[in-house]
Protein backbone atom coordinates (compact mmCIF):
# COMPACT_ATOMS: atom_id res chain seq x y z
CA MET A 1 0.00 0.00 0.00
CA SER A 2 1.54 3.30 -1.10
CA LEU A 3 1.76 5.92 1.64
CA VAL A 4 0.29 9.30 0.78
CA LEU A 5 0.00 11.88 3.53
CA PRO A 6 -3.10 14.10 3.61
CA SER A 7 -0.72 17.06 3.91
CA GLU A 8 0.63 16.24 0.43
CA LEU A 9 -2.87 16.67 -0.97
CA VAL A 10 -3.25 19.95 0.89
CA VAL A 11 -0.06 21.26 -0.76
CA ASP A 12 -0.64 19.79 -4.23
CA ARG A 13 -4.41 20.16 -4.64
CA PHE A 14 -5.96 22.38 -1.99
CA LEU A 15 -3.53 25.33 -1.78
CA PRO A 16 -3.25 25.98 -5.54
CA THR A 17 -7.04 25.99 -5.79
CA VAL A 18 -7.55 28.31 -2.83
CA ARG A 19 -4.79 30.68 -4.00
CA THR A 20 -6.48 30.91 -7.39
CA MET A 21 -9.88 31.50 -5.81
CA LEU A 22 -8.47 34.18 -3.50
CA ALA A 23 -6.62 35.94 -6.31
CA GLU A 24 -9.79 36.06 -8.41
CA ARG A 25 -11.86 37.45 -5.57
CA LEU A 26 -9.27 39.99 -4.43
CA ALA A 27 -8.99 41.26 -8.01
CA GLN A 28 -12.76 41.59 -8.13
CA ARG A 29 -12.57 43.68 -4.98
CA GLY A 30 -10.17 46.14 -6.61
CA MET A 31 -6.78 44.97 -5.36
CA THR A 32 -3.80 45.33 -7.69
CA GLN A 33 -1.83 42.27 -8.72
CA GLU A 34 1.09 43.55 -6.68
CA GLU A 35 -1.07 43.81 -3.57
CA ILE A 36 -2.55 40.38 -4.18
CA ALA A 37 0.93 38.89 -4.57
CA ALA A 38 2.02 40.44 -1.26
CA ASN A 39 -1.01 39.04 0.56
CA LEU A 40 -0.74 35.55 -0.90
CA GLY A 41 3.03 35.25 -0.68
CA VAL A 42 3.45 34.49 -4.38
CA THR A 43 4.96 36.29 -7.35
CA GLN A 44 3.07 38.86 -9.40
CA ALA A 45 3.49 36.56 -12.41
CA ALA A 46 1.68 33.83 -10.49
CA VAL A 47 -1.14 36.24 -9.62
CA SER A 48 -1.44 37.21 -13.28
CA LYS A 49 -1.83 33.53 -14.13
CA TYR A 50 -4.44 33.02 -11.42
CA VAL A 51 -6.49 36.05 -12.43
CA SER A 52 -6.39 35.15 -16.13
CA GLY A 53 -7.98 31.80 -15.35
CA ASP A 54 -4.87 29.73 -16.01
CA GLY A 55 -4.26 28.88 -12.36
CA GLY A 56 -6.11 25.59 -12.56
CA GLY A 57 -7.25 23.96 -9.36
CA ASP A 58 -9.57 21.22 -8.24
CA ASP A 59 -13.31 21.70 -8.77
CA ARG A 60 -13.92 19.59 -5.70
CA PHE A 61 -12.74 22.54 -3.62
CA ARG A 62 -14.14 25.22 -5.93
CA ASP A 63 -17.61 23.70 -5.57
CA ASP A 64 -17.36 23.04 -1.85
CA PRO A 65 -19.67 25.47 0.03
CA GLU A 66 -17.43 25.67 3.10
CA THR A 67 -14.36 26.46 0.98
CA THR A 68 -16.26 29.08 -1.00
CA ALA A 69 -17.57 30.74 2.16
CA THR A 70 -14.11 30.80 3.77
CA VAL A 71 -12.43 32.24 0.67
CA ASP A 72 -15.09 34.94 0.40
CA ARG A 73 -14.65 35.79 4.08
CA ILE A 74 -10.87 36.06 3.73
CA ALA A 75 -11.17 38.12 0.53
CA ASP A 76 -13.56 40.53 2.25
CA GLY A 77 -11.29 40.81 5.28
CA LEU A 78 -8.04 41.35 3.36
CA SER A 79 -9.53 43.84 0.92
CA SER A 80 -11.15 45.90 3.68
CA GLY A 81 -8.15 45.76 6.00
CA GLU A 82 -10.19 44.10 8.74
CA MET A 83 -8.13 40.93 8.44
CA ASP A 84 -4.34 40.49 8.32
CA GLY A 85 -2.19 37.55 7.23
CA TYR A 86 -2.40 35.90 10.65
CA ASP A 87 -6.20 36.01 10.59
CA ALA A 88 -6.30 34.64 7.05
CA LEU A 89 -3.95 31.81 7.98
CA ALA A 90 -6.09 30.91 10.99
CA GLU A 91 -9.15 30.74 8.74
CA LEU A 92 -7.37 28.49 6.24
CA LEU A 93 -6.02 26.14 8.91
CA SER A 94 -9.50 25.80 10.37
CA LEU A 95 -10.83 25.05 6.89
CA VAL A 96 -8.18 22.39 6.27
CA ARG A 97 -9.04 20.63 9.54
CA SER A 98 -12.71 20.65 8.59
CA LEU A 99 -12.10 19.33 5.06
CA GLU A 100 -9.95 16.52 6.47
CA ASP A 101 -12.85 15.36 8.64
CA ARG A 102 -14.83 13.35 6.03
CA GLY A 103 -14.58 16.29 3.61
CA PRO A 104 -12.99 16.74 0.16
CA ILE A 105 -9.43 16.25 1.46
CA CYS A 106 -10.50 12.99 3.08
CA GLU A 107 -12.24 11.97 -0.17
CA LEU A 108 -9.10 12.69 -2.19
CA HIS A 109 -7.00 10.75 0.32
CA GLU A 110 -9.18 7.67 -0.10
CA GLU A 111 -8.83 7.97 -3.88
CA GLU A 112 -5.04 8.09 -3.55
CA MET A 113 -5.07 5.24 -1.02
CA PRO A 114 -7.99 2.94 -1.91
CA ALA A 115 -7.13 0.65 1.01
CA LEU A 116 -8.58 3.31 3.33
CA ARG A 117 -12.06 3.03 1.81
CA GLY A 118 -14.63 1.47 4.08
CA LEU A 119 -12.42 1.77 7.17
CA GLY A 120 -14.24 4.73 8.64
CA CYS A 121 -10.85 6.45 8.49
CA ASP A 122 -10.38 9.16 11.11
CA LEU A 123 -6.62 9.53 10.85
CA CYS A 124 -6.60 13.30 10.51
CA VAL A 125 -9.06 13.84 13.31
CA ARG A 126 -8.08 11.26 15.89
CA GLY A 127 -4.70 9.94 14.81
CA LEU A 128 -3.63 6.70 16.51
CA ASP A 129 -6.56 6.69 18.90
CA PRO A 130 -6.92 3.08 20.16
CA ASP A 131 -10.69 3.26 19.59
CA VAL A 132 -10.08 4.01 15.92
CA ARG A 133 -7.68 1.08 15.65
CA ALA A 134 -10.31 -1.20 17.19
CA GLU A 135 -12.91 0.05 14.69
CA ARG A 136 -10.51 -0.50 11.79
CA ASP A 137 -9.76 -4.04 12.99
CA VAL A 138 -13.45 -4.91 13.26
CA LEU A 139 -14.28 -3.51 9.82
CA ALA A 140 -11.33 -5.38 8.28
CA ASN A 141 -12.45 -8.58 10.01
CA VAL A 142 -16.01 -8.31 8.66
CA ARG A 143 -14.64 -7.69 5.16
CA THR A 144 -12.58 -10.86 5.46
CA ALA A 145 -15.64 -12.77 6.68
CA ALA A 146 -17.74 -11.50 3.77
CA ARG A 147 -15.07 -12.61 1.29
CA THR A 148 -15.03 -16.05 2.92
CA ILE A 149 -18.80 -16.31 2.59
CA ALA A 150 -18.70 -15.21 -1.04
CA SER A 151 -16.09 -17.84 -1.93
CA THR A 152 -17.62 -20.76 0.01
CA PRO A 153 -18.94 -23.46 -2.36
CA GLY A 154 -22.66 -24.09 -1.99
CA MET A 155 -23.25 -21.02 0.15
CA ALA A 156 -25.97 -19.66 -2.15
CA ALA A 157 -28.32 -22.48 -1.14
CA PHE A 158 -28.13 -21.42 2.51
CA VAL A 159 -28.93 -17.74 2.02
CA PRO A 160 -32.48 -16.92 3.24
CA ASN A 161 -34.86 -15.03 0.97
CA VAL A 162 -34.37 -11.92 3.12
CA GLY A 163 -30.60 -12.25 2.73
CA THR A 164 -27.83 -13.10 5.12
CA ASN A 165 -25.32 -10.98 6.97
CA VAL A 166 -22.14 -11.22 8.97
CA GLY A 167 -21.33 -8.92 11.84
CA MET A 168 -18.82 -8.28 14.58
CA ALA A 169 -19.04 -6.13 17.68
CA LEU A 170 -16.47 -3.82 19.18
CA PRO A 171 -15.19 -4.78 22.63
CA ASP A 172 -17.73 -3.67 25.28
CA ALA A 173 -20.38 -3.00 22.61
CA SER A 174 -23.53 -1.44 24.05
CA ASP A 175 -25.88 -1.09 21.07
CA GLY A 176 -26.24 -1.73 17.34
CA THR A 177 -23.98 1.17 16.38
CA ASP A 178 -21.09 -0.76 17.93
CA VAL A 179 -21.63 -3.71 15.57
CA ALA A 180 -20.24 -3.68 12.03
CA ALA A 181 -22.06 -5.55 9.26
CA ILE A 182 -22.74 -5.36 5.52
CA PRO A 183 -25.26 -2.64 4.56
CA GLY A 184 -28.22 -4.02 2.66
CA ARG A 185 -27.33 -7.61 3.59
CA ILE A 186 -25.70 -10.30 1.46
CA TYR A 187 -27.78 -11.93 -1.27
CA ALA A 188 -27.61 -14.94 -3.56
CA MET A 189 -28.16 -14.11 -7.23
CA SER A 190 -28.02 -16.75 -9.96
CA GLY A 191 -26.02 -19.02 -7.68
CA ARG A 192 -23.51 -16.29 -6.79
CA ILE A 193 -23.05 -14.42 -3.52
CA GLU A 194 -23.35 -10.65 -3.88
CA ILE A 195 -21.68 -8.36 -1.33
CA PRO A 196 -23.35 -4.97 -1.95
CA ALA A 197 -21.01 -2.72 0.05
CA ASN A 198 -18.14 -2.44 2.49
CA PRO A 199 -19.04 -3.07 6.14
CA GLU A 200 -20.27 -0.22 8.30
CA PHE A 201 -21.15 0.17 11.94
CA GLY A 202 -24.88 0.14 12.63
CA ALA A 203 -25.65 -1.47 9.27
CA SER A 204 -27.67 -4.45 10.53
CA GLN A 205 -30.14 -4.50 13.40
CA HIS A 206 -30.90 -8.19 12.79
CA VAL A 207 -27.43 -9.66 13.24
CA ALA A 208 -26.46 -6.98 15.79
CA THR A 209 -29.31 -8.07 18.08
CA ALA A 210 -28.03 -11.65 18.13
CA ILE A 211 -24.42 -10.56 18.69
CA LEU A 212 -25.30 -8.21 21.54
CA ALA A 213 -27.28 -10.98 23.23
CA ALA A 214 -24.27 -13.25 22.86
CA THR A 215 -21.72 -10.75 24.20
CA ALA A 216 -23.93 -10.11 27.24
CA ILE A 217 -23.28 -13.74 28.24
CA ASP A 218 -19.83 -14.24 26.72
CA PRO A 219 -17.84 -11.09 25.79
CA ASP A 220 -15.64 -13.23 23.56
CA ARG A 221 -18.55 -14.21 21.24
CA ARG A 222 -18.41 -11.04 19.16
CA GLY A 223 -19.15 -12.39 15.66
CA ALA A 224 -22.16 -14.03 14.01
CA ILE A 225 -23.69 -14.97 10.66
CA ASN A 226 -27.34 -15.75 9.94
CA VAL A 227 -28.19 -18.44 7.39
CA ALA A 228 -31.21 -20.59 6.53
CA THR A 229 -31.89 -23.45 8.92
CA ASP A 230 -30.97 -26.78 7.39
CA ASP A 231 -30.87 -30.20 9.10
CA ALA A 232 -27.71 -31.20 7.24
CA LEU A 233 -25.95 -28.11 8.55
CA LEU A 234 -27.07 -28.82 12.12
CA GLU A 235 -25.95 -32.44 11.83
CA ALA A 236 -22.58 -31.30 10.55
CA GLY A 237 -22.30 -29.22 13.70
CA ARG A 238 -23.22 -32.11 15.96
CA ALA A 239 -20.62 -34.28 14.20
CA ARG A 240 -18.05 -31.68 15.23
CA GLY A 241 -19.14 -31.80 18.87
CA ILE A 242 -21.40 -28.72 18.70
CA ASP A 243 -24.75 -28.91 20.50
CA PRO A 244 -27.06 -26.56 18.53
CA LEU A 245 -29.49 -24.53 20.63
CA GLU A 246 -33.09 -24.27 19.43
CA PHE A 247 -35.05 -21.13 20.25
CA ASP A 248 -38.52 -19.83 19.41
CA ALA A 249 -39.08 -17.93 16.19
CA ASP A 250 -42.26 -16.16 17.33
CA TYR A 251 -41.22 -13.61 19.94
CA GLU A 252 -41.68 -9.92 20.62
CA ASP A 253 -38.13 -9.13 21.74
CA ARG A 254 -35.64 -11.34 19.94
CA GLY A 255 -32.68 -9.97 21.86
CA ALA A 256 -34.22 -10.65 25.26
CA HIS A 257 -35.38 -14.11 24.15
CA LEU A 258 -31.93 -15.09 22.90
CA LEU A 259 -30.33 -13.69 26.04
CA ASN A 260 -32.61 -15.84 28.20
CA ARG A 261 -31.92 -18.95 26.14
CA PHE A 262 -28.17 -18.40 26.32
CA ASP A 263 -28.42 -17.77 30.05
CA ASP A 264 -30.40 -21.01 30.50
CA ARG A 265 -27.71 -22.89 28.57
CA GLY A 266 -24.98 -21.21 30.59
CA GLU A 267 -23.03 -20.37 27.44
CA VAL A 268 -23.37 -19.08 23.90
CA PRO A 269 -23.39 -22.08 21.53
CA ARG A 270 -21.65 -21.98 18.18
CA LEU A 271 -25.04 -22.72 16.54
CA ALA A 272 -28.48 -21.43 17.51
CA TYR A 273 -31.53 -21.98 15.31
CA HIS A 274 -35.30 -21.78 14.99
CA ARG A 275 -37.74 -23.53 12.67
CA GLY A 276 -39.61 -20.43 11.60
CA ALA A 277 -43.16 -19.20 12.16
CA PHE A 278 -45.90 -17.46 10.22
CA GLY A 279 -44.13 -14.87 8.07
CA ILE A 280 -40.73 -15.76 9.58
CA GLU A 281 -38.16 -17.82 7.68
CA PRO A 282 -36.28 -20.55 9.59
CA ALA A 283 -32.91 -19.13 10.61
CA THR A 284 -29.66 -20.33 12.11
CA TYR A 285 -26.98 -18.20 13.73
CA VAL A 286 -23.36 -19.27 13.52
CA PHE A 287 -21.40 -17.61 16.33
CA GLY A 288 -17.66 -17.04 16.63
CA SER A 289 -15.10 -14.99 18.50
CA THR A 290 -14.99 -12.74 15.42
CA GLY A 291 -16.91 -12.40 12.18
CA ALA A 292 -14.11 -14.20 10.35
CA ASP A 293 -14.13 -17.00 12.93
CA ALA A 294 -17.87 -17.51 12.41
CA ALA A 295 -17.36 -17.51 8.62
CA ALA A 296 -14.58 -20.09 8.89
CA LEU A 297 -16.82 -22.39 10.95
CA LEU A 298 -19.67 -21.94 8.48
CA GLU A 299 -17.35 -22.84 5.61
CA GLU A 300 -16.33 -26.05 7.38
CA LEU A 301 -19.92 -26.98 8.21
CA LEU A 302 -21.10 -26.42 4.64
CA GLU A 303 -18.27 -28.56 3.35
CA ASP A 304 -19.48 -31.39 5.59
CA ALA A 305 -23.16 -30.78 4.86
CA THR A 306 -23.01 -30.68 1.06
């Protein structure tokens, strides 16, 4: 993975655009090219290029409302004398910090480093915050699990009509926003597994409910996958020494019901299933320490079952 610093994009893409925008606006406000050059810290020849429209720049910044508003504010302040170079610099630094926080600079950074996409990257805002590292690790784990599911032979036959999903919770997760899953669920189409998007936190209430019930009993059971209930799959589990737990499909609060069933068992089983009810498809949850762990177990069980 090539390393591109966000600051490089600020220098190469943001500053040339903002200088051009400022030069254009200062000229419109009656400043001479010499005065503009002095304010921007560039040569008069550069200002002439900016004002003539040859300065180039990135439309992503030109069209950004926050950038436009800041440039107009600086141009007004410099041309009226109400703002000096220090004030203008403070405005620009504040703008850069804002644009790095999921703004155009962040967007450009993800284009330059595609590996950052889908990680919920907060590098510029929070740096090496351990919480960010934990989020990155969970998102990466769910991506790995999704790839395992997509490449598992015979998986399409075990995807419910409503789709399947794989999720993983952060340590000490308290609600669904602490569980990462695939937005829109995973579907089988023409015998293939379709992964519609990169994982996100809060993307699946269904699988998150099961995972949160599991972590309440066993904090180390942080991953789960839902698939269609199938006797061959359950038998494959029993052959591996797993005792599947059956629970009711027709319930008002699935999370509370699962929590009670796990508590009665005294543990979170690797497999928990129900046989369905009116309007409810039969479903089986495969649990693991992580999303990838659950996917690996599912892959083994399907190999034995098919």
